[in-house]
Amino acid sequence: MGPKIGRATFFVTAMMFFAVLALDIAIPTLVLCTMALSTWLVSLDLPVARKHGGEAA
Protein backbone atom coordinates (compact mmCIF):
# COMPACT_ATOMS: atom_id res chain seq x y z
CA MET A 1 0.00 0.00 0.00
CA GLY A 2 1.48 3.30 -1.04
CA PRO A 3 1.80 6.31 1.22
CA LYS A 4 -0.98 8.20 -0.61
CA ILE A 5 -3.45 5.34 -0.22
CA GLY A 6 -2.50 4.91 3.44
CA ARG A 7 -2.98 8.59 4.18
CA ALA A 8 -6.31 8.66 2.34
CA THR A 9 -7.51 5.59 4.25
CA PHE A 10 -6.47 7.15 7.56
CA PHE A 11 -8.15 10.44 6.63
CA VAL A 12 -11.45 8.76 5.68
CA THR A 13 -11.36 6.61 8.83
CA ALA A 14 -10.75 9.67 11.01
CA MET A 15 -13.59 11.56 9.31
CA MET A 16 -15.98 8.68 9.89
CA PHE A 17 -14.93 8.40 13.54
CA PHE A 18 -15.54 12.07 14.28
CA ALA A 19 -18.82 12.11 12.32
CA VAL A 20 -20.13 9.21 14.40
CA LEU A 21 -18.84 10.89 17.56
CA ALA A 22 -20.81 14.03 16.70
CA LEU A 23 -23.97 11.96 16.14
CA ASP A 24 -23.34 10.20 19.44
CA ILE A 25 -23.60 13.59 21.14
CA ALA A 26 -26.33 15.22 19.00
CA ILE A 27 -28.98 12.49 19.04
CA PRO A 28 -29.19 12.09 22.85
CA THR A 29 -29.27 15.88 23.10
CA LEU A 30 -32.27 16.06 20.77
CA VAL A 31 -34.03 13.28 22.70
CA LEU A 32 -33.46 15.00 26.05
CA CYS A 33 -34.62 18.37 24.67
CA THR A 34 -37.78 16.75 23.29
CA MET A 35 -38.47 15.10 26.64
CA ALA A 36 -37.95 18.39 28.49
CA LEU A 37 -40.23 20.24 26.07
CA SER A 38 -42.98 17.64 26.39
CA THR A 39 -42.74 17.77 30.20
CA TRP A 40 -42.97 21.55 30.06
CA LEU A 41 -46.00 21.45 27.74
CA VAL A 42 -47.82 18.93 29.93
CA SER A 43 -47.18 20.95 33.07
CA LEU A 44 -48.65 24.17 31.63
CA ASP A 45 -51.82 25.30 33.33
CA LEU A 46 -54.08 25.63 30.31
CA PRO A 47 -57.62 26.93 30.85
CA VAL A 48 -58.98 24.38 28.36
CA ALA A 49 -57.58 21.49 30.38
CA ARG A 50 -59.10 22.63 33.70
CA LYS A 51 -62.28 20.92 34.82
CA HIS A 52 -64.86 22.90 36.70
CA GLY A 53 -66.57 21.63 39.85
CA GLY A 54 -70.01 20.67 38.51
CA GLU A 55 -69.08 19.15 35.19
CA ALA A 56 -69.30 15.46 34.42
CA ALA A 57 -66.04 13.68 33.74
PDB file of N, CA and C in Angstrom:
ATOM      1  N   MET A   1       0.860  -1.176   0.000  1.00  0.00           N
ATOM      2  CA  MET A   1       0.000   0.000   0.000  1.00  0.00           C
ATOM      3  C   MET A   1       0.900   1.230   0.000  1.00  0.00           C
ATOM      4  N   GLY A   2       0.658   2.098  -0.924  1.00  0.00           N
ATOM      5  CA  GLY A   2       1.476   3.297  -1.039  1.00  0.00           C
ATOM      6  C   GLY A   2       1.146   4.321   0.026  1.00  0.00           C
ATOM      7  N   PRO A   3       2.031   5.294   0.184  1.00  0.00           N
ATOM      8  CA  PRO A   3       1.797   6.310   1.220  1.00  0.00           C
ATOM      9  C   PRO A   3       0.550   7.159   0.959  1.00  0.00           C
ATOM     10  N   LYS A   4       0.219   7.405  -0.303  1.00  0.00           N
ATOM     11  CA  LYS A   4      -0.978   8.200  -0.610  1.00  0.00           C
ATOM     12  C   LYS A   4      -2.240   7.434  -0.244  1.00  0.00           C
ATOM     13  N   ILE A   5      -2.284   6.144  -0.546  1.00  0.00           N
ATOM     14  CA  ILE A   5      -3.453   5.335  -0.220  1.00  0.00           C
ATOM     15  C   ILE A   5      -3.591   5.191   1.297  1.00  0.00           C
ATOM     16  N   GLY A   6      -2.477   5.024   1.982  1.00  0.00           N
ATOM     17  CA  GLY A   6      -2.503   4.913   3.439  1.00  0.00           C
ATOM     18  C   GLY A   6      -3.005   6.183   4.106  1.00  0.00           C
ATOM     19  N   ARG A   7      -2.531   7.309   3.617  1.00  0.00           N
ATOM     20  CA  ARG A   7      -2.985   8.589   4.178  1.00  0.00           C
ATOM     21  C   ARG A   7      -4.466   8.818   3.896  1.00  0.00           C
ATOM     22  N   ALA A   8      -4.905   8.488   2.690  1.00  0.00           N
ATOM     23  CA  ALA A   8      -6.313   8.663   2.340  1.00  0.00           C
ATOM     24  C   ALA A   8      -7.194   7.759   3.196  1.00  0.00           C
ATOM     25  N   THR A   9      -6.751   6.521   3.412  1.00  0.00           N
ATOM     26  CA  THR A   9      -7.507   5.595   4.253  1.00  0.00           C
ATOM     27  C   THR A   9      -7.595   6.103   5.680  1.00  0.00           C
ATOM     28  N   PHE A  10      -6.471   6.599   6.211  1.00  0.00           N
ATOM     29  CA  PHE A  10      -6.465   7.151   7.565  1.00  0.00           C
ATOM     30  C   PHE A  10      -7.379   8.373   7.660  1.00  0.00           C
ATOM     31  N   PHE A  11      -7.323   9.227   6.641  1.00  0.00           N
ATOM     32  CA  PHE A  11      -8.149  10.437   6.634  1.00  0.00           C
ATOM     33  C   PHE A  11      -9.635  10.099   6.619  1.00  0.00           C
ATOM     34  N   VAL A  12     -10.035   9.163   5.763  1.00  0.00           N
ATOM     35  CA  VAL A  12     -11.446   8.763   5.681  1.00  0.00           C
ATOM     36  C   VAL A  12     -11.888   8.103   6.988  1.00  0.00           C
ATOM     37  N   THR A  13     -11.031   7.261   7.562  1.00  0.00           N
ATOM     38  CA  THR A  13     -11.365   6.611   8.831  1.00  0.00           C
ATOM     39  C   THR A  13     -11.533   7.638   9.943  1.00  0.00           C
ATOM     40  N   ALA A  14     -10.645   8.626  10.000  1.00  0.00           N
ATOM     41  CA  ALA A  14     -10.749   9.673  11.014  1.00  0.00           C
ATOM     42  C   ALA A  14     -12.015  10.495  10.826  1.00  0.00           C
ATOM     43  N   MET A  15     -12.358  10.808   9.570  1.00  0.00           N
ATOM     44  CA  MET A  15     -13.587  11.559   9.307  1.00  0.00           C
ATOM     45  C   MET A  15     -14.813  10.784   9.769  1.00  0.00           C
ATOM     46  N   MET A  16     -14.844   9.494   9.466  1.00  0.00           N
ATOM     47  CA  MET A  16     -15.985   8.676   9.886  1.00  0.00           C
ATOM     48  C   MET A  16     -16.072   8.599  11.409  1.00  0.00           C
ATOM     49  N   PHE A  17     -14.935   8.459  12.082  1.00  0.00           N
ATOM     50  CA  PHE A  17     -14.930   8.395  13.543  1.00  0.00           C
ATOM     51  C   PHE A  17     -15.520   9.659  14.153  1.00  0.00           C
ATOM     52  N   PHE A  18     -15.062  10.828  13.692  1.00  0.00           N
ATOM     53  CA  PHE A  18     -15.540  12.074  14.280  1.00  0.00           C
ATOM     54  C   PHE A  18     -16.976  12.388  13.873  1.00  0.00           C
ATOM     55  N   ALA A  19     -17.416  11.932  12.703  1.00  0.00           N
ATOM     56  CA  ALA A  19     -18.822  12.109  12.317  1.00  0.00           C
ATOM     57  C   ALA A  19     -19.726  11.289  13.224  1.00  0.00           C
ATOM     58  N   VAL A  20     -19.331  10.053  13.506  1.00  0.00           N
ATOM     59  CA  VAL A  20     -20.125   9.207  14.401  1.00  0.00           C
ATOM     60  C   VAL A  20     -20.079   9.764  15.823  1.00  0.00           C
ATOM     61  N   LEU A  21     -18.944  10.299  16.232  1.00  0.00           N
ATOM     62  CA  LEU A  21     -18.835  10.895  17.563  1.00  0.00           C
ATOM     63  C   LEU A  21     -19.779  12.084  17.704  1.00  0.00           C
ATOM     64  N   ALA A  22     -19.890  12.890  16.667  1.00  0.00           N
ATOM     65  CA  ALA A  22     -20.810  14.031  16.700  1.00  0.00           C
ATOM     66  C   ALA A  22     -22.258  13.555  16.795  1.00  0.00           C
ATOM     67  N   LEU A  23     -22.613  12.503  16.062  1.00  0.00           N
ATOM     68  CA  LEU A  23     -23.971  11.956  16.144  1.00  0.00           C
ATOM     69  C   LEU A  23     -24.232  11.359  17.522  1.00  0.00           C
ATOM     70  N   ASP A  24     -23.204  10.796  18.119  1.00  0.00           N
ATOM     71  CA  ASP A  24     -23.335  10.199  19.443  1.00  0.00           C
ATOM     72  C   ASP A  24     -23.666  11.258  20.488  1.00  0.00           C
ATOM     73  N   ILE A  25     -23.298  12.494  20.225  1.00  0.00           N
ATOM     74  CA  ILE A  25     -23.601  13.593  21.141  1.00  0.00           C
ATOM     75  C   ILE A  25     -24.922  14.262  20.758  1.00  0.00           C
ATOM     76  N   ALA A  26     -25.172  14.443  19.467  1.00  0.00           N
ATOM     77  CA  ALA A  26     -26.327  15.221  19.004  1.00  0.00           C
ATOM     78  C   ALA A  26     -27.647  14.501  19.212  1.00  0.00           C
ATOM     79  N   ILE A  27     -27.703  13.206  18.953  1.00  0.00           N
ATOM     80  CA  ILE A  27     -28.976  12.487  19.039  1.00  0.00           C
ATOM     81  C   ILE A  27     -29.494  12.420  20.477  1.00  0.00           C
ATOM     82  N   PRO A  28     -28.676  12.047  21.475  1.00  0.00           N
ATOM     83  CA  PRO A  28     -29.191  12.089  22.845  1.00  0.00           C
ATOM     84  C   PRO A  28     -29.596  13.495  23.289  1.00  0.00           C
ATOM     85  N   THR A  29     -28.903  14.506  22.772  1.00  0.00           N
ATOM     86  CA  THR A  29     -29.267  15.883  23.103  1.00  0.00           C
ATOM     87  C   THR A  29     -30.652  16.211  22.565  1.00  0.00           C
ATOM     88  N   LEU A  30     -30.938  15.822  21.341  1.00  0.00           N
ATOM     89  CA  LEU A  30     -32.267  16.058  20.772  1.00  0.00           C
ATOM     90  C   LEU A  30     -33.348  15.300  21.540  1.00  0.00           C
ATOM     91  N   VAL A  31     -33.058  14.074  21.940  1.00  0.00           N
ATOM     92  CA  VAL A  31     -34.031  13.283  22.698  1.00  0.00           C
ATOM     93  C   VAL A  31     -34.308  13.941  24.048  1.00  0.00           C
ATOM     94  N   LEU A  32     -33.262  14.365  24.745  1.00  0.00           N
ATOM     95  CA  LEU A  32     -33.458  15.003  26.051  1.00  0.00           C
ATOM     96  C   LEU A  32     -34.192  16.333  25.919  1.00  0.00           C
ATOM     97  N   CYS A  33     -33.903  17.104  24.878  1.00  0.00           N
ATOM     98  CA  CYS A  33     -34.616  18.372  24.667  1.00  0.00           C
ATOM     99  C   CYS A  33     -36.089  18.120  24.368  1.00  0.00           C
ATOM    100  N   THR A  34     -36.386  17.102  23.589  1.00  0.00           N
ATOM    101  CA  THR A  34     -37.779  16.753  23.290  1.00  0.00           C
ATOM    102  C   THR A  34     -38.511  16.322  24.554  1.00  0.00           C
ATOM    103  N   MET A  35     -37.850  15.528  25.383  1.00  0.00           N
ATOM    104  CA  MET A  35     -38.473  15.098  26.638  1.00  0.00           C
ATOM    105  C   MET A  35     -38.727  16.285  27.554  1.00  0.00           C
ATOM    106  N   ALA A  36     -37.778  17.205  27.643  1.00  0.00           N
ATOM    107  CA  ALA A  36     -37.953  18.392  28.491  1.00  0.00           C
ATOM    108  C   ALA A  36     -39.079  19.273  27.963  1.00  0.00           C
ATOM    109  N   LEU A  37     -39.159  19.433  26.653  1.00  0.00           N
ATOM    110  CA  LEU A  37     -40.227  20.241  26.066  1.00  0.00           C
ATOM    111  C   LEU A  37     -41.586  19.617  26.302  1.00  0.00           C
ATOM    112  N   SER A  38     -41.690  18.300  26.165  1.00  0.00           N
ATOM    113  CA  SER A  38     -42.976  17.642  26.389  1.00  0.00           C
ATOM    114  C   SER A  38     -43.386  17.735  27.854  1.00  0.00           C
ATOM    115  N   THR A  39     -42.437  17.613  28.768  1.00  0.00           N
ATOM    116  CA  THR A  39     -42.744  17.773  30.195  1.00  0.00           C
ATOM    117  C   THR A  39     -43.229  19.189  30.479  1.00  0.00           C
ATOM    118  N   TRP A  40     -42.578  20.165  29.862  1.00  0.00           N
ATOM    119  CA  TRP A  40     -42.972  21.553  30.060  1.00  0.00           C
ATOM    120  C   TRP A  40     -44.373  21.796  29.501  1.00  0.00           C
ATOM    121  N   LEU A  41     -44.680  21.245  28.330  1.00  0.00           N
ATOM    122  CA  LEU A  41     -46.004  21.450  27.735  1.00  0.00           C
ATOM    123  C   LEU A  41     -47.104  20.799  28.570  1.00  0.00           C
ATOM    124  N   VAL A  42     -46.825  19.620  29.124  1.00  0.00           N
ATOM    125  CA  VAL A  42     -47.824  18.926  29.929  1.00  0.00           C
ATOM    126  C   VAL A  42     -48.075  19.673  31.233  1.00  0.00           C
ATOM    127  N   SER A  43     -47.040  20.290  31.774  1.00  0.00           N
ATOM    128  CA  SER A  43     -47.184  20.949  33.069  1.00  0.00           C
ATOM    129  C   SER A  43     -47.792  22.351  32.969  1.00  0.00           C
ATOM    130  N   LEU A  44     -48.031  22.850  31.766  1.00  0.00           N
ATOM    131  CA  LEU A  44     -48.653  24.165  31.629  1.00  0.00           C
ATOM    132  C   LEU A  44     -50.074  24.136  32.191  1.00  0.00           C
ATOM    133  N   ASP A  45     -50.480  25.215  32.770  1.00  0.00           N
ATOM    134  CA  ASP A  45     -51.824  25.305  33.329  1.00  0.00           C
ATOM    135  C   ASP A  45     -52.734  25.951  32.283  1.00  0.00           C
ATOM    136  N   LEU A  46     -53.235  25.129  31.378  1.00  0.00           N
ATOM    137  CA  LEU A  46     -54.078  25.630  30.306  1.00  0.00           C
ATOM    138  C   LEU A  46     -55.532  25.722  30.766  1.00  0.00           C
ATOM    139  N   PRO A  47     -56.224  26.800  30.439  1.00  0.00           N
ATOM    140  CA  PRO A  47     -57.624  26.926  30.846  1.00  0.00           C
ATOM    141  C   PRO A  47     -58.522  25.861  30.208  1.00  0.00           C
ATOM    142  N   VAL A  48     -58.185  25.376  29.045  1.00  0.00           N
ATOM    143  CA  VAL A  48     -58.984  24.377  28.364  1.00  0.00           C
ATOM    144  C   VAL A  48     -58.921  23.049  29.118  1.00  0.00           C
ATOM    145  N   ALA A  49     -57.796  22.766  29.715  1.00  0.00           N
ATOM    146  CA  ALA A  49     -57.582  21.491  30.384  1.00  0.00           C
ATOM    147  C   ALA A  49     -58.194  21.447  31.777  1.00  0.00           C
ATOM    148  N   ARG A  50     -58.540  22.607  32.342  1.00  0.00           N
ATOM    149  CA  ARG A  50     -59.103  22.632  33.700  1.00  0.00           C
ATOM    150  C   ARG A  50     -60.539  22.156  33.687  1.00  0.00           C
ATOM    151  N   LYS A  51     -60.893  21.367  34.677  1.00  0.00           N
ATOM    152  CA  LYS A  51     -62.276  20.923  34.815  1.00  0.00           C
ATOM    153  C   LYS A  51     -62.929  21.742  35.936  1.00  0.00           C
ATOM    154  N   HIS A  52     -64.148  22.127  35.700  1.00  0.00           N
ATOM    155  CA  HIS A  52     -64.862  22.904  36.701  1.00  0.00           C
ATOM    156  C   HIS A  52     -65.622  21.967  37.624  1.00  0.00           C
ATOM    157  N   GLY A  53     -65.987  22.464  38.797  1.00  0.00           N
ATOM    158  CA  GLY A  53     -66.566  21.627  39.850  1.00  0.00           C
ATOM    159  C   GLY A  53     -67.787  20.823  39.463  1.00  0.00           C
ATOM    160  N   GLY A  54     -68.760  21.371  38.752  1.00  0.00           N
ATOM    161  CA  GLY A  54     -70.009  20.672  38.507  1.00  0.00           C
ATOM    162  C   GLY A  54     -70.080  19.886  37.229  1.00  0.00           C
ATOM    163  N   GLU A  55     -69.023  19.832  36.473  1.00  0.00           N
ATOM    164  CA  GLU A  55     -69.079  19.146  35.193  1.00  0.00           C
ATOM    165  C   GLU A  55     -68.883  17.640  35.348  1.00  0.00           C
ATOM    166  N   ALA A  56     -69.501  16.901  34.419  1.00  0.00           N
ATOM    167  CA  ALA A  56     -69.298  15.457  34.424  1.00  0.00           C
ATOM    168  C   ALA A  56     -67.924  15.140  33.805  1.00  0.00           C
ATOM    169  N   ALA A  57     -67.366  14.026  34.199  1.00  0.00           N
ATOM    170  CA  ALA A  57     -66.037  13.683  33.735  1.00  0.00           C
ATOM    171  C   ALA A  57     -66.006  13.250  32.319  1.00  0.00           C
TER     172      ALA A  57
END
